[in-house]
Amino acid sequence: MSLCQSTSVDRRLAQRQRAGSAAVGATEACRLGDAVGDLVERLAPVHARCDSVSQAWQGILPEALRRHCRIESVTGGCIKVVVDAASYMYEVQLCKAELLAELQRLCPRAALRRMTVAMASGAR
């Protein structure tokens, strides 16, 4: 999706088409500031959800694990955690259900349903 396909541009195109104007191409010019502003508005809630999950993760994880684990992604209700050693992966796997339940309680807007744990690339 290009930056110019923002909601305000979509509305303007729909208005022109309803008004009976000639077919408008998909590459209609728009102001860059408008397009970036619309993109930031659409991404702000996603960023806020991921940031709160990251903060909650830092709060619930013991210091010993925190140094060896990190959240790689939060997408589609799934949180992916990467660890730097097999022993830490085992520990996180053991308490995965409790960690997920606590994250769900602390961050209900994130709508987390699943947690996966993987080794970080280049890990021992």
PDB file of N, CA and C in Angstrom:
ATOM      1  N   MET A   1       0.855  -1.177   0.000  1.00  0.00           N
ATOM      2  CA  MET A   1       0.000   0.000   0.000  1.00  0.00           C
ATOM      3  C   MET A   1       0.894   1.232   0.000  1.00  0.00           C
ATOM      4  N   SER A   2       0.646   2.158  -0.915  1.00  0.00           N
ATOM      5  CA  SER A   2       1.446   3.374  -0.978  1.00  0.00           C
ATOM      6  C   SER A   2       0.957   4.369   0.053  1.00  0.00           C
ATOM      7  N   LEU A   3       1.811   5.348   0.333  1.00  0.00           N
ATOM      8  CA  LEU A   3       1.448   6.371   1.300  1.00  0.00           C
ATOM      9  C   LEU A   3       0.238   7.171   0.849  1.00  0.00           C
ATOM     10  N   CYS A   4       0.045   7.287  -0.449  1.00  0.00           N
ATOM     11  CA  CYS A   4      -1.057   8.099  -0.970  1.00  0.00           C
ATOM     12  C   CYS A   4      -2.394   7.384  -0.878  1.00  0.00           C
ATOM     13  N   GLN A   5      -2.420   6.152  -0.472  1.00  0.00           N
ATOM     14  CA  GLN A   5      -3.673   5.428  -0.341  1.00  0.00           C
ATOM     15  C   GLN A   5      -4.193   5.538   1.085  1.00  0.00           C
ATOM     16  N   SER A   6      -4.122   6.704   1.650  1.00  0.00           N
ATOM     17  CA  SER A   6      -4.604   6.925   3.008  1.00  0.00           C
ATOM     18  C   SER A   6      -6.110   7.138   2.995  1.00  0.00           C
ATOM     19  N   THR A   7      -6.685   7.188   4.178  1.00  0.00           N
ATOM     20  CA  THR A   7      -8.144   7.286   4.259  1.00  0.00           C
ATOM     21  C   THR A   7      -8.670   8.583   3.674  1.00  0.00           C
ATOM     22  N   SER A   8      -7.989   9.700   3.878  1.00  0.00           N
ATOM     23  CA  SER A   8      -8.496  10.960   3.338  1.00  0.00           C
ATOM     24  C   SER A   8      -8.428  10.961   1.812  1.00  0.00           C
ATOM     25  N   VAL A   9      -7.390  10.375   1.257  1.00  0.00           N
ATOM     26  CA  VAL A   9      -7.278  10.298  -0.204  1.00  0.00           C
ATOM     27  C   VAL A   9      -8.352   9.372  -0.742  1.00  0.00           C
ATOM     28  N   ASP A  10      -8.595   8.260  -0.051  1.00  0.00           N
ATOM     29  CA  ASP A  10      -9.646   7.333  -0.475  1.00  0.00           C
ATOM     30  C   ASP A  10     -11.000   8.030  -0.495  1.00  0.00           C
ATOM     31  N   ARG A  11     -11.269   8.854   0.511  1.00  0.00           N
ATOM     32  CA  ARG A  11     -12.540   9.572   0.566  1.00  0.00           C
ATOM     33  C   ARG A  11     -12.664  10.544  -0.598  1.00  0.00           C
ATOM     34  N   ARG A  12     -11.584  11.269  -0.894  1.00  0.00           N
ATOM     35  CA  ARG A  12     -11.636  12.223  -2.009  1.00  0.00           C
ATOM     36  C   ARG A  12     -11.876  11.500  -3.328  1.00  0.00           C
ATOM     37  N   LEU A  13     -11.208  10.364  -3.530  1.00  0.00           N
ATOM     38  CA  LEU A  13     -11.409   9.608  -4.766  1.00  0.00           C
ATOM     39  C   LEU A  13     -12.851   9.121  -4.876  1.00  0.00           C
ATOM     40  N   ALA A  14     -13.403   8.628  -3.765  1.00  0.00           N
ATOM     41  CA  ALA A  14     -14.785   8.144  -3.777  1.00  0.00           C
ATOM     42  C   ALA A  14     -15.749   9.285  -4.091  1.00  0.00           C
ATOM     43  N   GLN A  15     -15.503  10.465  -3.541  1.00  0.00           N
ATOM     44  CA  GLN A  15     -16.366  11.614  -3.815  1.00  0.00           C
ATOM     45  C   GLN A  15     -16.319  11.982  -5.292  1.00  0.00           C
ATOM     46  N   ARG A  16     -15.147  11.975  -5.876  1.00  0.00           N
ATOM     47  CA  ARG A  16     -15.019  12.316  -7.297  1.00  0.00           C
ATOM     48  C   ARG A  16     -15.730  11.290  -8.171  1.00  0.00           C
ATOM     49  N   GLN A  17     -15.585  10.016  -7.814  1.00  0.00           N
ATOM     50  CA  GLN A  17     -16.223   8.981  -8.613  1.00  0.00           C
ATOM     51  C   GLN A  17     -17.738   9.064  -8.504  1.00  0.00           C
ATOM     52  N   ARG A  18     -18.252   9.382  -7.309  1.00  0.00           N
ATOM     53  CA  ARG A  18     -19.707   9.537  -7.143  1.00  0.00           C
ATOM     54  C   ARG A  18     -20.215  10.755  -7.903  1.00  0.00           C
ATOM     55  N   ALA A  19     -19.372  11.779  -8.007  1.00  0.00           N
ATOM     56  CA  ALA A  19     -19.777  13.002  -8.692  1.00  0.00           C
ATOM     57  C   ALA A  19     -19.778  12.815 -10.209  1.00  0.00           C
ATOM     58  N   GLY A  20     -19.308  11.672 -10.667  1.00  0.00           N
ATOM     59  CA  GLY A  20     -19.357  11.387 -12.091  1.00  0.00           C
ATOM     60  C   GLY A  20     -18.128  11.866 -12.854  1.00  0.00           C
ATOM     61  N   SER A  21     -17.045  12.153 -12.142  1.00  0.00           N
ATOM     62  CA  SER A  21     -15.845  12.584 -12.852  1.00  0.00           C
ATOM     63  C   SER A  21     -15.241  11.399 -13.587  1.00  0.00           C
ATOM     64  N   ALA A  22     -14.339  11.701 -14.483  1.00  0.00           N
ATOM     65  CA  ALA A  22     -13.675  10.656 -15.258  1.00  0.00           C
ATOM     66  C   ALA A  22     -12.909   9.744 -14.306  1.00  0.00           C
ATOM     67  N   ALA A  23     -12.615   8.554 -14.764  1.00  0.00           N
ATOM     68  CA  ALA A  23     -11.888   7.590 -13.922  1.00  0.00           C
ATOM     69  C   ALA A  23     -10.581   8.205 -13.448  1.00  0.00           C
ATOM     70  N   VAL A  24     -10.357   8.066 -12.170  1.00  0.00           N
ATOM     71  CA  VAL A  24      -9.155   8.633 -11.566  1.00  0.00           C
ATOM     72  C   VAL A  24      -8.146   7.513 -11.400  1.00  0.00           C
ATOM     73  N   GLY A  25      -6.902   7.753 -11.807  1.00  0.00           N
ATOM     74  CA  GLY A  25      -5.856   6.746 -11.693  1.00  0.00           C
ATOM     75  C   GLY A  25      -5.461   6.508 -10.251  1.00  0.00           C
ATOM     76  N   ALA A  26      -4.866   5.368  -9.974  1.00  0.00           N
ATOM     77  CA  ALA A  26      -4.458   5.009  -8.616  1.00  0.00           C
ATOM     78  C   ALA A  26      -3.242   5.804  -8.165  1.00  0.00           C
ATOM     79  N   THR A  27      -2.627   6.528  -9.075  1.00  0.00           N
ATOM     80  CA  THR A  27      -1.414   7.256  -8.723  1.00  0.00           C
ATOM     81  C   THR A  27      -1.668   8.749  -8.590  1.00  0.00           C
ATOM     82  N   GLU A  28      -2.842   9.135  -8.145  1.00  0.00           N
ATOM     83  CA  GLU A  28      -3.154  10.545  -7.981  1.00  0.00           C
ATOM     84  C   GLU A  28      -2.206  11.163  -6.954  1.00  0.00           C
ATOM     85  N   ALA A  29      -1.779  12.361  -7.243  1.00  0.00           N
ATOM     86  CA  ALA A  29      -0.844  13.045  -6.355  1.00  0.00           C
ATOM     87  C   ALA A  29      -1.536  13.450  -5.061  1.00  0.00           C
ATOM     88  N   CYS A  30      -0.758  13.453  -3.999  1.00  0.00           N
ATOM     89  CA  CYS A  30      -1.245  13.930  -2.713  1.00  0.00           C
ATOM     90  C   CYS A  30      -0.081  14.588  -1.988  1.00  0.00           C
ATOM     91  N   ARG A  31      -0.407  15.371  -0.997  1.00  0.00           N
ATOM     92  CA  ARG A  31       0.655  16.027  -0.242  1.00  0.00           C
ATOM     93  C   ARG A  31       1.317  15.005   0.668  1.00  0.00           C
ATOM     94  N   LEU A  32       2.638  15.003   0.683  1.00  0.00           N
ATOM     95  CA  LEU A  32       3.391  14.032   1.467  1.00  0.00           C
ATOM     96  C   LEU A  32       3.064  14.166   2.955  1.00  0.00           C
ATOM     97  N   GLY A  33       2.931  15.380   3.437  1.00  0.00           N
ATOM     98  CA  GLY A  33       2.602  15.595   4.846  1.00  0.00           C
ATOM     99  C   GLY A  33       1.281  14.968   5.231  1.00  0.00           C
ATOM    100  N   ASP A  34       0.268  15.070   4.341  1.00  0.00           N
ATOM    101  CA  ASP A  34      -1.036  14.454   4.609  1.00  0.00           C
ATOM    102  C   ASP A  34      -0.915  12.933   4.660  1.00  0.00           C
ATOM    103  N   ALA A  35      -0.181  12.381   3.703  1.00  0.00           N
ATOM    104  CA  ALA A  35      -0.033  10.927   3.635  1.00  0.00           C
ATOM    105  C   ALA A  35       0.711  10.394   4.858  1.00  0.00           C
ATOM    106  N   VAL A  36       1.790  11.056   5.258  1.00  0.00           N
ATOM    107  CA  VAL A  36       2.558  10.602   6.422  1.00  0.00           C
ATOM    108  C   VAL A  36       1.731  10.777   7.696  1.00  0.00           C
ATOM    109  N   GLY A  37       1.015  11.888   7.798  1.00  0.00           N
ATOM    110  CA  GLY A  37       0.162  12.109   8.965  1.00  0.00           C
ATOM    111  C   GLY A  37      -0.892  11.034   9.115  1.00  0.00           C
ATOM    112  N   ASP A  38      -1.536  10.654   8.003  1.00  0.00           N
ATOM    113  CA  ASP A  38      -2.545   9.593   8.045  1.00  0.00           C
ATOM    114  C   ASP A  38      -1.915   8.249   8.429  1.00  0.00           C
ATOM    115  N   LEU A  39      -0.718   7.983   7.911  1.00  0.00           N
ATOM    116  CA  LEU A  39      -0.028   6.737   8.240  1.00  0.00           C
ATOM    117  C   LEU A  39       0.296   6.686   9.727  1.00  0.00           C
ATOM    118  N   VAL A  40       0.795   7.784  10.275  1.00  0.00           N
ATOM    119  CA  VAL A  40       1.127   7.829  11.699  1.00  0.00           C
ATOM    120  C   VAL A  40      -0.127   7.634  12.546  1.00  0.00           C
ATOM    121  N   GLU A  41      -1.238   8.234  12.148  1.00  0.00           N
ATOM    122  CA  GLU A  41      -2.490   8.062  12.882  1.00  0.00           C
ATOM    123  C   GLU A  41      -2.940   6.607  12.893  1.00  0.00           C
ATOM    124  N   ARG A  42      -2.763   5.923  11.757  1.00  0.00           N
ATOM    125  CA  ARG A  42      -3.171   4.517  11.688  1.00  0.00           C
ATOM    126  C   ARG A  42      -2.250   3.625  12.503  1.00  0.00           C
ATOM    127  N   LEU A  43      -0.964   3.944  12.591  1.00  0.00           N
ATOM    128  CA  LEU A  43      -0.017   3.094  13.302  1.00  0.00           C
ATOM    129  C   LEU A  43       0.070   3.385  14.793  1.00  0.00           C
ATOM    130  N   ALA A  44      -0.373   4.528  15.250  1.00  0.00           N
ATOM    131  CA  ALA A  44      -0.245   4.906  16.658  1.00  0.00           C
ATOM    132  C   ALA A  44      -0.876   3.878  17.604  1.00  0.00           C
ATOM    133  N   PRO A  45      -2.090   3.388  17.366  1.00  0.00           N
ATOM    134  CA  PRO A  45      -2.652   2.393  18.292  1.00  0.00           C
ATOM    135  C   PRO A  45      -1.840   1.099  18.323  1.00  0.00           C
ATOM    136  N   VAL A  46      -1.321   0.683  17.176  1.00  0.00           N
ATOM    137  CA  VAL A  46      -0.507  -0.528  17.121  1.00  0.00           C
ATOM    138  C   VAL A  46       0.760  -0.328  17.936  1.00  0.00           C
ATOM    139  N   HIS A  47       1.407   0.809  17.758  1.00  0.00           N
ATOM    140  CA  HIS A  47       2.626   1.107  18.499  1.00  0.00           C
ATOM    141  C   HIS A  47       2.350   1.147  19.996  1.00  0.00           C
ATOM    142  N   ALA A  48       1.250   1.742  20.396  1.00  0.00           N
ATOM    143  CA  ALA A  48       0.903   1.831  21.816  1.00  0.00           C
ATOM    144  C   ALA A  48       0.684   0.443  22.410  1.00  0.00           C
ATOM    145  N   ARG A  49       0.008  -0.437  21.664  1.00  0.00           N
ATOM    146  CA  ARG A  49      -0.207  -1.801  22.165  1.00  0.00           C
ATOM    147  C   ARG A  49       1.105  -2.532  22.337  1.00  0.00           C
ATOM    148  N   CYS A  50       1.984  -2.463  21.345  1.00  0.00           N
ATOM    149  CA  CYS A  50       3.251  -3.183  21.409  1.00  0.00           C
ATOM    150  C   CYS A  50       4.138  -2.619  22.511  1.00  0.00           C
ATOM    151  N   ASP A  51       4.121  -1.311  22.677  1.00  0.00           N
ATOM    152  CA  ASP A  51       4.930  -0.689  23.712  1.00  0.00           C
ATOM    153  C   ASP A  51       4.459  -1.126  25.089  1.00  0.00           C
ATOM    154  N   SER A  52       3.154  -1.197  25.309  1.00  0.00           N
ATOM    155  CA  SER A  52       2.653  -1.610  26.621  1.00  0.00           C
ATOM    156  C   SER A  52       2.992  -3.069  26.896  1.00  0.00           C
ATOM    157  N   VAL A  53       2.964  -3.923  25.886  1.00  0.00           N
ATOM    158  CA  VAL A  53       3.337  -5.323  26.052  1.00  0.00           C
ATOM    159  C   VAL A  53       4.812  -5.411  26.429  1.00  0.00           C
ATOM    160  N   SER A  54       5.636  -4.632  25.765  1.00  0.00           N
ATOM    161  CA  SER A  54       7.064  -4.632  26.065  1.00  0.00           C
ATOM    162  C   SER A  54       7.334  -4.170  27.494  1.00  0.00           C
ATOM    163  N   GLN A  55       6.633  -3.133  27.921  1.00  0.00           N
ATOM    164  CA  GLN A  55       6.811  -2.645  29.295  1.00  0.00           C
ATOM    165  C   GLN A  55       6.328  -3.685  30.305  1.00  0.00           C
ATOM    166  N   ALA A  56       5.200  -4.321  30.030  1.00  0.00           N
ATOM    167  CA  ALA A  56       4.689  -5.354  30.932  1.00  0.00           C
ATOM    168  C   ALA A  56       5.669  -6.525  31.005  1.00  0.00           C
ATOM    169  N   TRP A  57       6.229  -6.894  29.859  1.00  0.00           N
ATOM    170  CA  TRP A  57       7.196  -7.993  29.801  1.00  0.00           C
ATOM    171  C   TRP A  57       8.390  -7.695  30.703  1.00  0.00           C
ATOM    172  N   GLN A  58       8.892  -6.478  30.626  1.00  0.00           N
ATOM    173  CA  GLN A  58      10.027  -6.089  31.461  1.00  0.00           C
ATOM    174  C   GLN A  58       9.663  -6.147  32.945  1.00  0.00           C
ATOM    175  N   GLY A  59       8.404  -5.853  33.260  1.00  0.00           N
ATOM    176  CA  GLY A  59       7.970  -5.840  34.646  1.00  0.00           C
ATOM    177  C   GLY A  59       7.738  -7.212  35.252  1.00  0.00           C
ATOM    178  N   ILE A  60       7.301  -8.176  34.449  1.00  0.00           N
ATOM    179  CA  ILE A  60       6.962  -9.486  35.012  1.00  0.00           C
ATOM    180  C   ILE A  60       8.106 -10.489  34.954  1.00  0.00           C
ATOM    181  N   LEU A  61       9.094 -10.249  34.133  1.00  0.00           N
ATOM    182  CA  LEU A  61      10.185 -11.196  33.979  1.00  0.00           C
ATOM    183  C   LEU A  61      11.268 -10.956  35.030  1.00  0.00           C
ATOM    184  N   PRO A  62      11.759 -11.998  35.675  1.00  0.00           N
ATOM    185  CA  PRO A  62      12.862 -11.824  36.619  1.00  0.00           C
ATOM    186  C   PRO A  62      14.110 -11.297  35.902  1.00  0.00           C
ATOM    187  N   GLU A  63      14.934 -10.567  36.614  1.00  0.00           N
ATOM    188  CA  GLU A  63      16.134  -9.953  36.030  1.00  0.00           C
ATOM    189  C   GLU A  63      17.030 -10.972  35.326  1.00  0.00           C
ATOM    190  N   ALA A  64      17.178 -12.154  35.917  1.00  0.00           N
ATOM    191  CA  ALA A  64      18.047 -13.173  35.321  1.00  0.00           C
ATOM    192  C   ALA A  64      17.570 -13.583  33.930  1.00  0.00           C
ATOM    193  N   LEU A  65      16.257 -13.687  33.752  1.00  0.00           N
ATOM    194  CA  LEU A  65      15.720 -14.042  32.437  1.00  0.00           C
ATOM    195  C   LEU A  65      15.686 -12.844  31.498  1.00  0.00           C
ATOM    196  N   ARG A  66      15.437 -11.674  32.056  1.00  0.00           N
ATOM    197  CA  ARG A  66      15.306 -10.464  31.228  1.00  0.00           C
ATOM    198  C   ARG A  66      16.555 -10.204  30.395  1.00  0.00           C
ATOM    199  N   ARG A  67      17.716 -10.520  30.941  1.00  0.00           N
ATOM    200  CA  ARG A  67      18.966 -10.270  30.207  1.00  0.00           C
ATOM    201  C   ARG A  67      19.160 -11.228  29.037  1.00  0.00           C
ATOM    202  N   HIS A  68      18.408 -12.326  29.017  1.00  0.00           N
ATOM    203  CA  HIS A  68      18.615 -13.357  27.994  1.00  0.00           C
ATOM    204  C   HIS A  68      17.410 -13.553  27.072  1.00  0.00           C
ATOM    205  N   CYS A  69      16.325 -12.812  27.316  1.00  0.00           N
ATOM    206  CA  CYS A  69      15.101 -12.956  26.524  1.00  0.00           C
ATOM    207  C   CYS A  69      14.652 -11.581  26.042  1.00  0.00           C
ATOM    208  N   ARG A  70      14.041 -11.565  24.859  1.00  0.00           N
ATOM    209  CA  ARG A  70      13.454 -10.316  24.378  1.00  0.00           C
ATOM    210  C   ARG A  70      12.279 -10.640  23.477  1.00  0.00           C
ATOM    211  N   ILE A  71      11.374  -9.671  23.394  1.00  0.00           N
ATOM    212  CA  ILE A  71      10.232  -9.817  22.492  1.00  0.00           C
ATOM    213  C   ILE A  71      10.711  -9.456  21.096  1.00  0.00           C
ATOM    214  N   GLU A  72      10.529 -10.367  20.170  1.00  0.00           N
ATOM    215  CA  GLU A  72      10.912 -10.089  18.785  1.00  0.00           C
ATOM    216  C   GLU A  72       9.769  -9.446  18.019  1.00  0.00           C
ATOM    217  N   SER A  73       8.541  -9.936  18.256  1.00  0.00           N
ATOM    218  CA  SER A  73       7.395  -9.357  17.538  1.00  0.00           C
ATOM    219  C   SER A  73       6.108  -9.624  18.292  1.00  0.00           C
ATOM    220  N   VAL A  74       5.138  -8.766  18.005  1.00  0.00           N
ATOM    221  CA  VAL A  74       3.773  -8.940  18.496  1.00  0.00           C
ATOM    222  C   VAL A  74       2.872  -8.692  17.289  1.00  0.00           C
ATOM    223  N   THR A  75       2.361  -9.780  16.714  1.00  0.00           N
ATOM    224  CA  THR A  75       1.519  -9.654  15.526  1.00  0.00           C
ATOM    225  C   THR A  75       0.380 -10.662  15.580  1.00  0.00           C
ATOM    226  N   GLY A  76      -0.786 -10.212  15.195  1.00  0.00           N
ATOM    227  CA  GLY A  76      -1.936 -11.098  15.082  1.00  0.00           C
ATOM    228  C   GLY A  76      -2.261 -11.858  16.355  1.00  0.00           C
ATOM    229  N   GLY A  77      -2.056 -11.256  17.507  1.00  0.00           N
ATOM    230  CA  GLY A  77      -2.353 -11.917  18.769  1.00  0.00           C
ATOM    231  C   GLY A  77      -1.287 -12.882  19.235  1.00  0.00           C
ATOM    232  N   CYS A  78      -0.178 -12.946  18.524  1.00  0.00           N
ATOM    233  CA  CYS A  78       0.914 -13.840  18.883  1.00  0.00           C
ATOM    234  C   CYS A  78       2.132 -13.023  19.281  1.00  0.00           C
ATOM    235  N   ILE A  79       2.708 -13.364  20.418  1.00  0.00           N
ATOM    236  CA  ILE A  79       3.929 -12.716  20.859  1.00  0.00           C
ATOM    237  C   ILE A  79       5.068 -13.711  20.658  1.00  0.00           C
ATOM    238  N   LYS A  80       6.115 -13.270  19.968  1.00  0.00           N
ATOM    239  CA  LYS A  80       7.263 -14.132  19.721  1.00  0.00           C
ATOM    240  C   LYS A  80       8.415 -13.655  20.585  1.00  0.00           C
ATOM    241  N   VAL A  81       8.920 -14.557  21.417  1.00  0.00           N
ATOM    242  CA  VAL A  81      10.015 -14.263  22.333  1.00  0.00           C
ATOM    243  C   VAL A  81      11.233 -15.028  21.853  1.00  0.00           C
ATOM    244  N   VAL A  82      12.380 -14.358  21.803  1.00  0.00           N
ATOM    245  CA  VAL A  82      13.622 -15.034  21.439  1.00  0.00           C
ATOM    246  C   VAL A  82      14.561 -15.021  22.643  1.00  0.00           C
ATOM    247  N   VAL A  83      15.297 -16.108  22.770  1.00  0.00           N
ATOM    248  CA  VAL A  83      16.244 -16.275  23.874  1.00  0.00           C
ATOM    249  C   VAL A  83      17.623 -16.559  23.302  1.00  0.00           C
ATOM    250  N   ASP A  84      18.667 -16.345  24.123  1.00  0.00           N
ATOM    251  CA  ASP A  84      20.016 -16.511  23.603  1.00  0.00           C
ATOM    252  C   ASP A  84      20.684 -17.832  23.988  1.00  0.00           C
ATOM    253  N   ALA A  85      20.018 -18.675  24.745  1.00  0.00           N
ATOM    254  CA  ALA A  85      20.598 -19.968  25.109  1.00  0.00           C
ATOM    255  C   ALA A  85      19.471 -20.976  25.359  1.00  0.00           C
ATOM    256  N   ALA A  86      19.787 -22.244  25.132  1.00  0.00           N
ATOM    257  CA  ALA A  86      18.788 -23.300  25.274  1.00  0.00           C
ATOM    258  C   ALA A  86      18.269 -23.407  26.702  1.00  0.00           C
ATOM    259  N   SER A  87      19.115 -23.173  27.686  1.00  0.00           N
ATOM    260  CA  SER A  87      18.668 -23.277  29.074  1.00  0.00           C
ATOM    261  C   SER A  87      17.604 -22.224  29.394  1.00  0.00           C
ATOM    262  N   TYR A  88      17.753 -21.031  28.855  1.00  0.00           N
ATOM    263  CA  TYR A  88      16.749 -19.987  29.075  1.00  0.00           C
ATOM    264  C   TYR A  88      15.480 -20.274  28.276  1.00  0.00           C
ATOM    265  N   MET A  89      15.648 -20.889  27.134  1.00  0.00           N
ATOM    266  CA  MET A  89      14.477 -21.264  26.345  1.00  0.00           C
ATOM    267  C   MET A  89      13.638 -22.278  27.133  1.00  0.00           C
ATOM    268  N   TYR A  90      14.305 -23.223  27.765  1.00  0.00           N
ATOM    269  CA  TYR A  90      13.616 -24.225  28.572  1.00  0.00           C
ATOM    270  C   TYR A  90      12.862 -23.555  29.727  1.00  0.00           C
ATOM    271  N   GLU A  91      13.508 -22.611  30.397  1.00  0.00           N
ATOM    272  CA  GLU A  91      12.863 -21.920  31.521  1.00  0.00           C
ATOM    273  C   GLU A  91      11.635 -21.132  31.069  1.00  0.00           C
ATOM    274  N   VAL A  92      11.763 -20.434  29.950  1.00  0.00           N
ATOM    275  CA  VAL A  92      10.625 -19.657  29.449  1.00  0.00           C
ATOM    276  C   VAL A  92       9.498 -20.591  29.015  1.00  0.00           C
ATOM    277  N   GLN A  93       9.848 -21.713  28.391  1.00  0.00           N
ATOM    278  CA  GLN A  93       8.822 -22.689  27.980  1.00  0.00           C
ATOM    279  C   GLN A  93       8.059 -23.220  29.195  1.00  0.00           C
ATOM    280  N   LEU A  94       8.778 -23.449  30.311  1.00  0.00           N
ATOM    281  CA  LEU A  94       8.127 -23.965  31.512  1.00  0.00           C
ATOM    282  C   LEU A  94       7.065 -23.016  32.067  1.00  0.00           C
ATOM    283  N   CYS A  95       7.336 -21.720  31.983  1.00  0.00           N
ATOM    284  CA  CYS A  95       6.394 -20.757  32.567  1.00  0.00           C
ATOM    285  C   CYS A  95       5.653 -19.958  31.498  1.00  0.00           C
ATOM    286  N   LYS A  96       5.627 -20.454  30.269  1.00  0.00           N
ATOM    287  CA  LYS A  96       4.996 -19.750  29.151  1.00  0.00           C
ATOM    288  C   LYS A  96       3.518 -19.461  29.409  1.00  0.00           C
ATOM    289  N   ALA A  97       2.780 -20.407  29.922  1.00  0.00           N
ATOM    290  CA  ALA A  97       1.346 -20.207  30.165  1.00  0.00           C
ATOM    291  C   ALA A  97       1.109 -19.101  31.191  1.00  0.00           C
ATOM    292  N   GLU A  98       1.906 -19.094  32.253  1.00  0.00           N
ATOM    293  CA  GLU A  98       1.758 -18.059  33.281  1.00  0.00           C
ATOM    294  C   GLU A  98       2.162 -16.693  32.753  1.00  0.00           C
ATOM    295  N   LEU A  99       3.234 -16.639  31.968  1.00  0.00           N
ATOM    296  CA  LEU A  99       3.673 -15.370  31.382  1.00  0.00           C
ATOM    297  C   LEU A  99       2.602 -14.805  30.443  1.00  0.00           C
ATOM    298  N   LEU A 100       2.040 -15.667  29.604  1.00  0.00           N
ATOM    299  CA  LEU A 100       1.007 -15.218  28.674  1.00  0.00           C
ATOM    300  C   LEU A 100      -0.229 -14.739  29.430  1.00  0.00           C
ATOM    301  N   ALA A 101      -0.628 -15.479  30.455  1.00  0.00           N
ATOM    302  CA  ALA A 101      -1.799 -15.074  31.237  1.00  0.00           C
ATOM    303  C   ALA A 101      -1.574 -13.711  31.895  1.00  0.00           C
ATOM    304  N   GLU A 102      -0.394 -13.476  32.407  1.00  0.00           N
ATOM    305  CA  GLU A 102      -0.099 -12.191  33.049  1.00  0.00           C
ATOM    306  C   GLU A 102      -0.064 -11.066  32.020  1.00  0.00           C
ATOM    307  N   LEU A 103       0.505 -11.316  30.841  1.00  0.00           N
ATOM    308  CA  LEU A 103       0.506 -10.308  29.776  1.00  0.00           C
ATOM    309  C   LEU A 103      -0.917 -10.006  29.320  1.00  0.00           C
ATOM    310  N   GLN A 104      -1.759 -11.023  29.220  1.00  0.00           N
ATOM    311  CA  GLN A 104      -3.155 -10.818  28.833  1.00  0.00           C
ATOM    312  C   GLN A 104      -3.884  -9.976  29.878  1.00  0.00           C
ATOM    313  N   ARG A 105      -3.572 -10.197  31.150  1.00  0.00           N
ATOM    314  CA  ARG A 105      -4.209  -9.437  32.220  1.00  0.00           C
ATOM    315  C   ARG A 105      -3.745  -7.980  32.214  1.00  0.00           C
ATOM    316  N   LEU A 106      -2.432  -7.767  31.997  1.00  0.00           N
ATOM    317  CA  LEU A 106      -1.879  -6.418  32.040  1.00  0.00           C
ATOM    318  C   LEU A 106      -2.142  -5.623  30.762  1.00  0.00           C
ATOM    319  N   CYS A 107      -2.268  -6.309  29.641  1.00  0.00           N
ATOM    320  CA  CYS A 107      -2.423  -5.633  28.342  1.00  0.00           C
ATOM    321  C   CYS A 107      -3.612  -6.201  27.566  1.00  0.00           C
ATOM    322  N   PRO A 108      -4.830  -5.979  28.041  1.00  0.00           N
ATOM    323  CA  PRO A 108      -5.980  -6.574  27.357  1.00  0.00           C
ATOM    324  C   PRO A 108      -6.179  -6.057  25.933  1.00  0.00           C
ATOM    325  N   ARG A 109      -5.777  -4.814  25.652  1.00  0.00           N
ATOM    326  CA  ARG A 109      -5.956  -4.259  24.299  1.00  0.00           C
ATOM    327  C   ARG A 109      -5.063  -4.948  23.265  1.00  0.00           C
ATOM    328  N   ALA A 110      -3.999  -5.588  23.713  1.00  0.00           N
ATOM    329  CA  ALA A 110      -3.104  -6.266  22.771  1.00  0.00           C
ATOM    330  C   ALA A 110      -3.736  -7.545  22.226  1.00  0.00           C
ATOM    331  N   ALA A 111      -4.753  -8.073  22.892  1.00  0.00           N
ATOM    332  CA  ALA A 111      -5.484  -9.279  22.452  1.00  0.00           C
ATOM    333  C   ALA A 111      -4.545 -10.447  22.169  1.00  0.00           C
ATOM    334  N   LEU A 112      -3.629 -10.694  23.083  1.00  0.00           N
ATOM    335  CA  LEU A 112      -2.681 -11.795  22.916  1.00  0.00           C
ATOM    336  C   LEU A 112      -3.388 -13.130  23.125  1.00  0.00           C
ATOM    337  N   ARG A 113      -3.110 -14.091  22.221  1.00  0.00           N
ATOM    338  CA  ARG A 113      -3.707 -15.413  22.312  1.00  0.00           C
ATOM    339  C   ARG A 113      -2.652 -16.509  22.426  1.00  0.00           C
ATOM    340  N   ARG A 114      -1.439 -16.195  21.979  1.00  0.00           N
ATOM    341  CA  ARG A 114      -0.443 -17.252  21.858  1.00  0.00           C
ATOM    342  C   ARG A 114       0.950 -16.686  22.081  1.00  0.00           C
ATOM    343  N   MET A 115       1.845 -17.508  22.602  1.00  0.00           N
ATOM    344  CA  MET A 115       3.242 -17.120  22.766  1.00  0.00           C
ATOM    345  C   MET A 115       4.118 -18.206  22.174  1.00  0.00           C
ATOM    346  N   THR A 116       5.067 -17.792  21.358  1.00  0.00           N
ATOM    347  CA  THR A 116       6.053 -18.745  20.842  1.00  0.00           C
ATOM    348  C   THR A 116       7.416 -18.325  21.349  1.00  0.00           C
ATOM    349  N   VAL A 117       8.262 -19.316  21.585  1.00  0.00           N
ATOM    350  CA  VAL A 117       9.614 -19.086  22.093  1.00  0.00           C
ATOM    351  C   VAL A 117      10.588 -19.703  21.100  1.00  0.00           C
ATOM    352  N   ALA A 118      11.594 -18.953  20.705  1.00  0.00           N
ATOM    353  CA  ALA A 118      12.565 -19.441  19.725  1.00  0.00           C
ATOM    354  C   ALA A 118      13.965 -18.978  20.109  1.00  0.00           C
ATOM    355  N   MET A 119      14.931 -19.646  19.536  1.00  0.00           N
ATOM    356  CA  MET A 119      16.327 -19.251  19.742  1.00  0.00           C
ATOM    357  C   MET A 119      16.637 -18.052  18.849  1.00  0.00           C
ATOM    358  N   ALA A 120      17.371 -17.121  19.391  1.00  0.00           N
ATOM    359  CA  ALA A 120      17.794 -15.962  18.615  1.00  0.00           C
ATOM    360  C   ALA A 120      18.810 -16.421  17.569  1.00  0.00           C
ATOM    361  N   SER A 121      18.823 -15.779  16.424  1.00  0.00           N
ATOM    362  CA  SER A 121      19.801 -16.155  15.401  1.00  0.00           C
ATOM    363  C   SER A 121      21.201 -15.841  15.928  1.00  0.00           C
ATOM    364  N   GLY A 122      22.093 -16.775  15.754  1.00  0.00           N
ATOM    365  CA  GLY A 122      23.463 -16.612  16.247  1.00  0.00           C
ATOM    366  C   GLY A 122      23.600 -16.956  17.721  1.00  0.00           C
ATOM    367  N   ALA A 123      22.546 -17.533  18.329  1.00  0.00           N
ATOM    368  CA  ALA A 123      22.604 -17.897  19.740  1.00  0.00           C
ATOM    369  C   ALA A 123      23.381 -19.179  19.928  1.00  0.00           C
ATOM    370  N   ARG A 124      23.840 -19.373  21.146  1.00  0.00           N
ATOM    371  CA  ARG A 124      24.606 -20.585  21.472  1.00  0.00           C
ATOM    372  C   ARG A 124      23.692 -21.723  21.824  1.00  0.00           C
TER     373      ARG A 124
END
